[in-house]
Amino acid sequence: MSSTSGMPTGGRAPYNRRVSAAHRKWSQHWLVNDDLAVALVGLIEPAAGERFVEIGPGQGMMTRALLDHPVLLTAVEVDPQCCTLLSKIGEGKELSVIHGDVLQSDPSSLGIDSPVRLVGNLPYAISSPILRWTVEHRASFIDVHFMLPEDVADRALAPPGSSDRGLLSVLVQWEYEGETLRRLGPGAFRPPPKIDSSFVRLRRRTAPACETTVGHRESVLQAAFQHRRKTLSNSLQQAGWAKPAVSKACSTADIDPGLRAQALSIEQFARLVEALPQVTS
């Protein structure tokens, strides 16, 4: 980790914007200007003294906008050239830069020892894995503000009954309540992506009561969504549960076994997971 230290404090530190083009291998799409970054950070509403972790800051548009507020910021960036630029941006500010892949890290390796606010204009190719990482390490985050490909955002926030609802929806909504704050077209980024983007907020929620293991829960959820066109009963049977066990669990959970998985709420899934026995091989 590199930390910034003593510099003049009046206004933003000057820096050279001439960084090499975004790398396709890291799926980078950078915001086109500071004004847009300032507007997005305004939606986050940073408060003095709060601690933020930013994933994939790239050329530092949102980084600079965040540092306009008296906050403490850790930036996690995989591109070494961007890390050098970020260190210059942070001179005289409360910024630490970590060169690394967030998916290969855990909160403790990022210096997180108490809940922080998480932000990021995520690399589009790995936005779903980062959302899952955010769910896995939920206890480390107060809230989350991510720029996502529109289709990923729609899946993550899809309500029961939506054609977009799937495994990602349930994993995210088990732990978070989400909303879309702003939608942006391709022209807001450089290079422009082929799809629109959504800036979303996730706030921690009280997870539903579910007395079972995380492994069992994930097995049930994966099985339920494995065959989206099949009924819940058929999907679970195909995954290894016997029909009598599925029927009994659905009855106990007060769920119609003829429904498809995308029709169920988080609370219904919690009851189903608790009622289903673990499959033994």
Foldseek 3Di string as FASTA:
>chain_A
DDWADDDDDDAWQDFDLPDDADDVVQLDWAFDDLVVLLVLVVVVPDDAAAEEEEEACQQPSVVLNVQVHNYAYEYEHQDVRSQVNVNSRQHVTNYHYHHDDVLVDACVVSVQPQAHAYEYAHNAVCPLVVLLSCLVNVRNYQKYKYKYFPLLVCQCQPFFPDPSDALNVLSNVLFWHKDWDDKAAQVRIVVRDPGIITTMMTGTDDGDDAPDDPVLLSLLRCQLRVPQVAFSLVSVVVSPADSVLQVQQCVQLVHDSRHRPSNDGSSSSRSSSRSHDRGDD
